């Protein structure tokens, strides 16, 4: 059983990581056939409880995302994530994964983002499948597309274990600034609150983890074509 820290960009306070909890974008979308690349890095810390044991930890991670614009205010693409956290016992937890990403903006101030992917806990070679759904709301948008955004993102992961089963859930509530320096180049800063829960069932015994914390992230993006 691996005890992941509450924060990297995709490691939860639960026992197994979820996909990246940050949103990292406003409600604007790429034009049809336009290709956008975004690179994000960040980290944070938090407190979590395993059984009757309370502890704190730190973590950090990075994500590289590529999407292409579709008609109907939509985007489709994929991302690569990696992260590391401070260890509780043994080797520090390290993970890396990939995900397919979809975004749609039915309104200029509202967007939905969904991700489905898989993560490998590198040291133990544990396969973890997960998904997430984020809602982005931009209450303020300046000329040129710069936005102050907020929203919520929920993530779930299911590890593939031998002789046991497990799950992890994470909810993120972010606030960020998506600054469009030009029509092609943008950068963003984001911070938020995380609340996580996870459990492993083995031999009829359930071990639960609950945690909370905060994070910060910065990223840059560029649109080609």
C-alpha atoms as a PDB file:
ATOM      1  CA  UNK A   1       0.000   0.000   0.000  1.00  0.00           C
ATOM      2  CA  UNK A   2       1.560   3.308  -1.064  1.00  0.00           C
ATOM      3  CA  UNK A   3       0.881   6.466   0.935  1.00  0.00           C
ATOM      4  CA  UNK A   4       0.925   9.345  -1.509  1.00  0.00           C
ATOM      5  CA  UNK A   5       1.185  12.896  -0.204  1.00  0.00           C
ATOM      6  CA  UNK A   6      -1.649  15.344  -0.663  1.00  0.00           C
ATOM      7  CA  UNK A   7       0.001  17.453  -3.297  1.00  0.00           C
ATOM      8  CA  UNK A   8       1.820  17.359  -6.446  1.00  0.00           C
ATOM      9  CA  UNK A   9       0.005  18.396  -9.549  1.00  0.00           C
ATOM     10  CA  UNK A  10      -1.577  14.974  -9.735  1.00  0.00           C
ATOM     11  CA  UNK A  11      -0.795  13.136  -6.482  1.00  0.00           C
ATOM     12  CA  UNK A  12      -3.564  13.238  -3.891  1.00  0.00           C
ATOM     13  CA  UNK A  13      -3.660  12.945  -0.151  1.00  0.00           C
ATOM     14  CA  UNK A  14      -5.095   9.517  -0.767  1.00  0.00           C
ATOM     15  CA  UNK A  15      -3.128   6.337  -1.266  1.00  0.00           C
ATOM     16  CA  UNK A  16      -3.030   6.504  -5.053  1.00  0.00           C
ATOM     17  CA  UNK A  17      -2.678   9.448  -7.440  1.00  0.00           C
ATOM     18  CA  UNK A  18      -5.359  10.974  -9.619  1.00  0.00           C
ATOM     19  CA  UNK A  19      -4.851  12.927 -12.816  1.00  0.00           C
ATOM     20  CA  UNK A  20      -3.730  16.555 -12.530  1.00  0.00           C
ATOM     21  CA  UNK A  21      -6.146  18.438 -10.228  1.00  0.00           C
ATOM     22  CA  UNK A  22      -5.384  21.927 -11.551  1.00  0.00           C
ATOM     23  CA  UNK A  23      -7.529  23.492 -14.296  1.00  0.00           C
ATOM     24  CA  UNK A  24      -4.844  25.662 -15.884  1.00  0.00           C
ATOM     25  CA  UNK A  25      -7.025  27.496 -18.421  1.00  0.00           C
ATOM     26  CA  UNK A  26      -9.942  29.857 -18.842  1.00  0.00           C
ATOM     27  CA  UNK A  27     -13.058  29.330 -20.943  1.00  0.00           C
ATOM     28  CA  UNK A  28     -11.582  30.429 -24.285  1.00  0.00           C
ATOM     29  CA  UNK A  29     -11.067  27.726 -26.926  1.00  0.00           C
ATOM     30  CA  UNK A  30      -8.825  27.270 -29.943  1.00  0.00           C
ATOM     31  CA  UNK A  31     -10.094  28.059 -33.403  1.00  0.00           C
ATOM     32  CA  UNK A  32     -10.887  25.072 -35.667  1.00  0.00           C
ATOM     33  CA  UNK A  33      -7.661  23.286 -36.753  1.00  0.00           C
ATOM     34  CA  UNK A  34      -5.565  25.553 -34.508  1.00  0.00           C
ATOM     35  CA  UNK A  35      -3.031  23.667 -32.352  1.00  0.00           C
ATOM     36  CA  UNK A  36      -2.240  24.778 -28.801  1.00  0.00           C
ATOM     37  CA  UNK A  37       0.586  23.659 -26.503  1.00  0.00           C
ATOM     38  CA  UNK A  38       0.564  24.347 -22.753  1.00  0.00           C
ATOM     39  CA  UNK A  39       3.280  23.502 -20.202  1.00  0.00           C
ATOM     40  CA  UNK A  40       2.500  23.724 -16.474  1.00  0.00           C
ATOM     41  CA  UNK A  41       4.514  23.264 -13.295  1.00  0.00           C
ATOM     42  CA  UNK A  42       3.749  23.699  -9.616  1.00  0.00           C
ATOM     43  CA  UNK A  43       3.251  22.085  -6.249  1.00  0.00           C
ATOM     44  CA  UNK A  44       2.066  22.564  -2.693  1.00  0.00           C
ATOM     45  CA  UNK A  45       1.433  20.780   0.546  1.00  0.00           C
ATOM     46  CA  UNK A  46      -1.207  19.532   2.909  1.00  0.00           C
ATOM     47  CA  UNK A  47      -2.213  17.400   5.828  1.00  0.00           C
ATOM     48  CA  UNK A  48      -3.735  13.953   5.758  1.00  0.00           C
ATOM     49  CA  UNK A  49      -4.851  11.171   8.078  1.00  0.00           C
ATOM     50  CA  UNK A  50      -4.242   7.449   7.620  1.00  0.00           C
ATOM     51  CA  UNK A  51      -6.161   5.569  10.290  1.00  0.00           C
ATOM     52  CA  UNK A  52      -5.286   7.428  13.479  1.00  0.00           C
ATOM     53  CA  UNK A  53      -2.004   8.841  12.157  1.00  0.00           C
ATOM     54  CA  UNK A  54      -1.841  12.525  11.115  1.00  0.00           C
ATOM     55  CA  UNK A  55       1.011  13.838   8.986  1.00  0.00           C
ATOM     56  CA  UNK A  56       1.914  16.509   6.432  1.00  0.00           C
ATOM     57  CA  UNK A  57       3.760  16.330   3.137  1.00  0.00           C
ATOM     58  CA  UNK A  58       4.890  18.300   0.112  1.00  0.00           C
ATOM     59  CA  UNK A  59       4.946  17.508  -3.588  1.00  0.00           C
ATOM     60  CA  UNK A  60       5.434  18.887  -7.069  1.00  0.00           C
ATOM     61  CA  UNK A  61       4.731  17.983 -10.649  1.00  0.00           C
ATOM     62  CA  UNK A  62       4.440  19.051 -14.268  1.00  0.00           C
ATOM     63  CA  UNK A  63       2.093  18.626 -17.214  1.00  0.00           C
ATOM     64  CA  UNK A  64       2.544  19.095 -20.967  1.00  0.00           C
ATOM     65  CA  UNK A  65      -0.692  19.373 -22.949  1.00  0.00           C
ATOM     66  CA  UNK A  66      -1.431  19.513 -26.687  1.00  0.00           C
ATOM     67  CA  UNK A  67      -4.899  20.202 -28.109  1.00  0.00           C
ATOM     68  CA  UNK A  68      -6.407  20.959 -31.508  1.00  0.00           C
ATOM     69  CA  UNK A  69      -9.427  23.202 -32.042  1.00  0.00           C
ATOM     70  CA  UNK A  70     -12.659  21.762 -33.440  1.00  0.00           C
ATOM     71  CA  UNK A  71     -15.829  23.359 -34.705  1.00  0.00           C
ATOM     72  CA  UNK A  72     -18.541  24.114 -32.155  1.00  0.00           C
ATOM     73  CA  UNK A  73     -16.160  25.690 -29.584  1.00  0.00           C
ATOM     74  CA  UNK A  74     -14.465  22.373 -28.816  1.00  0.00           C
ATOM     75  CA  UNK A  75     -10.923  21.075 -28.311  1.00  0.00           C
ATOM     76  CA  UNK A  76      -9.462  17.560 -28.343  1.00  0.00           C
ATOM     77  CA  UNK A  77      -5.982  16.500 -27.362  1.00  0.00           C
ATOM     78  CA  UNK A  78      -3.804  14.790 -24.801  1.00  0.00           C
ATOM     79  CA  UNK A  79      -1.346  15.400 -21.986  1.00  0.00           C
ATOM     80  CA  UNK A  80       1.642  13.888 -20.211  1.00  0.00           C
ATOM     81  CA  UNK A  81       1.978  14.284 -16.428  1.00  0.00           C
ATOM     82  CA  UNK A  82       4.699  13.481 -13.901  1.00  0.00           C
ATOM     83  CA  UNK A  83       5.195  14.200 -10.217  1.00  0.00           C
ATOM     84  CA  UNK A  84       6.969  13.333  -6.968  1.00  0.00           C
ATOM     85  CA  UNK A  85       6.057  13.738  -3.315  1.00  0.00           C
ATOM     86  CA  UNK A  86       7.834  13.646   0.017  1.00  0.00           C
ATOM     87  CA  UNK A  87       8.066  10.099   1.348  1.00  0.00           C
ATOM     88  CA  UNK A  88       6.296   8.693   4.381  1.00  0.00           C
ATOM     89  CA  UNK A  89       8.137   5.366   4.412  1.00  0.00           C
ATOM     90  CA  UNK A  90      10.557   3.808   1.935  1.00  0.00           C
ATOM     91  CA  UNK A  91      11.168   5.468  -1.399  1.00  0.00           C
ATOM     92  CA  UNK A  92       9.464   8.773  -2.252  1.00  0.00           C
ATOM     93  CA  UNK A  93       6.359   8.306  -4.433  1.00  0.00           C
ATOM     94  CA  UNK A  94       6.985   9.007  -8.103  1.00  0.00           C
ATOM     95  CA  UNK A  95       4.397   8.763 -10.853  1.00  0.00           C
ATOM     96  CA  UNK A  96       3.987   9.455 -14.559  1.00  0.00           C
ATOM     97  CA  UNK A  97       1.033   9.125 -16.891  1.00  0.00           C
ATOM     98  CA  UNK A  98      -0.875  10.127 -20.003  1.00  0.00           C
ATOM     99  CA  UNK A  99      -4.442  11.309 -20.613  1.00  0.00           C
ATOM    100  CA  UNK A 100      -6.863  12.166 -23.404  1.00  0.00           C
ATOM    101  CA  UNK A 101      -8.425  15.612 -22.987  1.00  0.00           C
ATOM    102  CA  UNK A 102     -11.684  17.144 -24.268  1.00  0.00           C
ATOM    103  CA  UNK A 103     -12.993  20.694 -23.790  1.00  0.00           C
ATOM    104  CA  UNK A 104     -16.225  22.404 -24.804  1.00  0.00           C
ATOM    105  CA  UNK A 105     -17.362  25.972 -24.152  1.00  0.00           C
ATOM    106  CA  UNK A 106     -21.151  26.242 -24.625  1.00  0.00           C
ATOM    107  CA  UNK A 107     -21.012  29.869 -23.403  1.00  0.00           C
ATOM    108  CA  UNK A 108     -18.259  32.491 -23.502  1.00  0.00           C
ATOM    109  CA  UNK A 109     -17.990  32.408 -19.688  1.00  0.00           C
ATOM    110  CA  UNK A 110     -18.504  28.649 -19.167  1.00  0.00           C
ATOM    111  CA  UNK A 111     -16.462  25.607 -20.201  1.00  0.00           C
ATOM    112  CA  UNK A 112     -16.296  21.902 -19.376  1.00  0.00           C
ATOM    113  CA  UNK A 113     -13.092  19.830 -19.488  1.00  0.00           C
ATOM    114  CA  UNK A 114     -12.904  16.030 -19.248  1.00  0.00           C
ATOM    115  CA  UNK A 115      -9.800  13.809 -19.019  1.00  0.00           C
ATOM    116  CA  UNK A 116      -9.388  10.033 -19.133  1.00  0.00           C
ATOM    117  CA  UNK A 117      -6.018   8.386 -18.688  1.00  0.00           C
ATOM    118  CA  UNK A 118      -3.612   6.120 -16.844  1.00  0.00           C
ATOM    119  CA  UNK A 119      -0.738   6.595 -14.378  1.00  0.00           C
ATOM    120  CA  UNK A 120       2.145   4.333 -13.435  1.00  0.00           C
ATOM    121  CA  UNK A 121       3.594   4.439  -9.940  1.00  0.00           C
ATOM    122  CA  UNK A 122       7.152   4.091 -11.141  1.00  0.00           C
ATOM    123  CA  UNK A 123       8.830   2.353  -8.197  1.00  0.00           C
ATOM    124  CA  UNK A 124       6.169  -0.305  -7.585  1.00  0.00           C
ATOM    125  CA  UNK A 125       4.986  -0.466 -11.243  1.00  0.00           C
ATOM    126  CA  UNK A 126       1.350  -0.092 -10.180  1.00  0.00           C
ATOM    127  CA  UNK A 127      -1.073   0.703 -13.012  1.00  0.00           C
ATOM    128  CA  UNK A 128      -3.717   3.280 -12.094  1.00  0.00           C
ATOM    129  CA  UNK A 129      -6.635   4.304 -14.301  1.00  0.00           C
ATOM    130  CA  UNK A 130      -8.492   7.557 -13.772  1.00  0.00           C
ATOM    131  CA  UNK A 131     -10.664  10.333 -15.050  1.00  0.00           C
ATOM    132  CA  UNK A 132     -11.651  13.874 -14.170  1.00  0.00           C
ATOM    133  CA  UNK A 133     -14.304  16.462 -14.968  1.00  0.00           C
ATOM    134  CA  UNK A 134     -13.813  20.186 -14.515  1.00  0.00           C
ATOM    135  CA  UNK A 135     -16.210  23.122 -14.714  1.00  0.00           C
ATOM    136  CA  UNK A 136     -14.633  26.499 -15.519  1.00  0.00           C
ATOM    137  CA  UNK A 137     -16.411  29.802 -14.908  1.00  0.00           C
ATOM    138  CA  UNK A 138     -14.938  33.142 -16.016  1.00  0.00           C
ATOM    139  CA  UNK A 139     -16.792  35.960 -14.208  1.00  0.00           C
ATOM    140  CA  UNK A 140     -14.451  38.625 -15.617  1.00  0.00           C
ATOM    141  CA  UNK A 141     -13.011  38.775 -19.126  1.00  0.00           C
ATOM    142  CA  UNK A 142     -10.943  41.707 -20.386  1.00  0.00           C
ATOM    143  CA  UNK A 143     -10.343  42.795 -23.948  1.00  0.00           C
ATOM    144  CA  UNK A 144      -7.938  40.443 -25.691  1.00  0.00           C
ATOM    145  CA  UNK A 145      -9.276  37.392 -23.869  1.00  0.00           C
ATOM    146  CA  UNK A 146      -7.547  37.739 -20.482  1.00  0.00           C
ATOM    147  CA  UNK A 147      -9.738  36.096 -17.821  1.00  0.00           C
ATOM    148  CA  UNK A 148     -10.127  35.725 -14.102  1.00  0.00           C
ATOM    149  CA  UNK A 149     -11.525  32.228 -13.699  1.00  0.00           C
ATOM    150  CA  UNK A 150     -12.674  29.809 -11.031  1.00  0.00           C
ATOM    151  CA  UNK A 151     -14.634  26.574 -10.932  1.00  0.00           C
ATOM    152  CA  UNK A 152     -14.310  23.038  -9.586  1.00  0.00           C
ATOM    153  CA  UNK A 153     -12.692  19.794 -10.696  1.00  0.00           C
ATOM    154  CA  UNK A 154     -13.347  16.274  -9.484  1.00  0.00           C
ATOM    155  CA  UNK A 155     -11.011  13.340 -10.128  1.00  0.00           C
ATOM    156  CA  UNK A 156     -11.191   9.609  -9.449  1.00  0.00           C
ATOM    157  CA  UNK A 157      -8.589   6.857  -9.817  1.00  0.00           C
ATOM    158  CA  UNK A 158      -8.716   3.062  -9.589  1.00  0.00           C
ATOM    159  CA  UNK A 159      -5.442   1.133  -9.057  1.00  0.00           C
ATOM    160  CA  UNK A 160      -4.955  -2.409 -10.360  1.00  0.00           C
ATOM    161  CA  UNK A 161      -3.889  -4.436  -7.309  1.00  0.00           C
ATOM    162  CA  UNK A 162      -3.294  -8.109  -6.550  1.00  0.00           C
ATOM    163  CA  UNK A 163      -5.461  -9.454  -3.758  1.00  0.00           C
ATOM    164  CA  UNK A 164      -6.880  -6.031  -2.949  1.00  0.00           C
ATOM    165  CA  UNK A 165      -8.944  -3.177  -4.342  1.00  0.00           C
ATOM    166  CA  UNK A 166      -8.644   0.564  -3.960  1.00  0.00           C
ATOM    167  CA  UNK A 167      -9.876   3.961  -5.067  1.00  0.00           C
ATOM    168  CA  UNK A 168      -9.048   7.635  -4.658  1.00  0.00           C
ATOM    169  CA  UNK A 169     -11.153  10.770  -5.026  1.00  0.00           C
ATOM    170  CA  UNK A 170     -10.043  14.383  -5.214  1.00  0.00           C
ATOM    171  CA  UNK A 171     -11.942  17.679  -5.449  1.00  0.00           C
ATOM    172  CA  UNK A 172     -10.134  20.900  -6.381  1.00  0.00           C
ATOM    173  CA  UNK A 173     -11.532  24.433  -6.093  1.00  0.00           C
ATOM    174  CA  UNK A 174      -9.178  26.815  -7.962  1.00  0.00           C
ATOM    175  CA  UNK A 175      -8.945  30.495  -8.785  1.00  0.00           C
ATOM    176  CA  UNK A 176      -6.635  31.727 -11.508  1.00  0.00           C
ATOM    177  CA  UNK A 177      -5.678  34.410 -13.995  1.00  0.00           C
ATOM    178  CA  UNK A 178      -5.352  33.417 -17.662  1.00  0.00           C
ATOM    179  CA  UNK A 179      -3.423  36.303 -19.243  1.00  0.00           C
ATOM    180  CA  UNK A 180      -3.443  36.520 -23.042  1.00  0.00           C
ATOM    181  CA  UNK A 181      -0.310  38.493 -23.856  1.00  0.00           C
ATOM    182  CA  UNK A 182      -1.012  38.152 -27.605  1.00  0.00           C
ATOM    183  CA  UNK A 183      -3.529  36.291 -29.742  1.00  0.00           C
ATOM    184  CA  UNK A 184      -1.179  33.285 -29.698  1.00  0.00           C
ATOM    185  CA  UNK A 185       0.753  33.477 -26.432  1.00  0.00           C
ATOM    186  CA  UNK A 186      -0.712  33.278 -22.948  1.00  0.00           C
ATOM    187  CA  UNK A 187       0.374  32.538 -19.403  1.00  0.00           C
ATOM    188  CA  UNK A 188      -1.549  31.719 -16.264  1.00  0.00           C
ATOM    189  CA  UNK A 189      -1.189  31.552 -12.502  1.00  0.00           C
ATOM    190  CA  UNK A 190      -3.507  29.453 -10.369  1.00  0.00           C
ATOM    191  CA  UNK A 191      -3.986  28.506  -6.748  1.00  0.00           C
ATOM    192  CA  UNK A 192      -6.574  26.377  -5.046  1.00  0.00           C
ATOM    193  CA  UNK A 193      -7.869  24.165  -2.267  1.00  0.00           C
ATOM    194  CA  UNK A 194      -7.849  20.349  -2.405  1.00  0.00           C
ATOM    195  CA  UNK A 195      -9.927  17.792  -0.527  1.00  0.00           C
ATOM    196  CA  UNK A 196      -9.120  14.104  -0.976  1.00  0.00           C
ATOM    197  CA  UNK A 197     -10.263  10.660   0.147  1.00  0.00           C
ATOM    198  CA  UNK A 198      -8.964   7.196  -0.637  1.00  0.00           C
ATOM    199  CA  UNK A 199      -9.215   3.657   0.601  1.00  0.00           C
ATOM    200  CA  UNK A 200      -7.744   0.196   0.098  1.00  0.00           C
ATOM    201  CA  UNK A 201      -9.573  -3.033   0.913  1.00  0.00           C
ATOM    202  CA  UNK A 202      -7.337  -6.048   1.553  1.00  0.00           C
ATOM    203  CA  UNK A 203      -8.108  -9.231   3.469  1.00  0.00           C
ATOM    204  CA  UNK A 204     -11.457  -7.857   4.597  1.00  0.00           C
ATOM    205  CA  UNK A 205      -9.826  -4.774   6.154  1.00  0.00           C
ATOM    206  CA  UNK A 206     -10.402  -1.255   4.836  1.00  0.00           C
ATOM    207  CA  UNK A 207      -7.694   1.374   5.276  1.00  0.00           C
ATOM    208  CA  UNK A 208      -8.897   4.906   4.586  1.00  0.00           C
ATOM    209  CA  UNK A 209      -7.036   8.162   3.996  1.00  0.00           C
ATOM    210  CA  UNK A 210      -8.500  11.674   4.202  1.00  0.00           C
ATOM    211  CA  UNK A 211      -6.625  14.865   3.449  1.00  0.00           C
ATOM    212  CA  UNK A 212      -6.765  18.533   2.553  1.00  0.00           C
ATOM    213  CA  UNK A 213      -4.300  21.133   1.352  1.00  0.00           C
ATOM    214  CA  UNK A 214      -3.488  23.862  -1.116  1.00  0.00           C
ATOM    215  CA  UNK A 215      -1.482  24.239  -4.308  1.00  0.00           C
ATOM    216  CA  UNK A 216      -0.054  26.767  -6.730  1.00  0.00           C
ATOM    217  CA  UNK A 217       0.693  26.421 -10.434  1.00  0.00           C
ATOM    218  CA  UNK A 218       2.064  28.504 -13.294  1.00  0.00           C
ATOM    219  CA  UNK A 219       2.002  27.750 -16.986  1.00  0.00           C
ATOM    220  CA  UNK A 220       2.581  29.081 -20.484  1.00  0.00           C
ATOM    221  CA  UNK A 221       0.751  28.307 -23.694  1.00  0.00           C
ATOM    222  CA  UNK A 222       1.189  28.983 -27.376  1.00  0.00           C
ATOM    223  CA  UNK A 223      -1.264  28.536 -30.255  1.00  0.00           C
ATOM    224  CA  UNK A 224       0.084  27.602 -33.688  1.00  0.00           C
ATOM    225  CA  UNK A 225      -1.570  28.403 -37.064  1.00  0.00           C
END
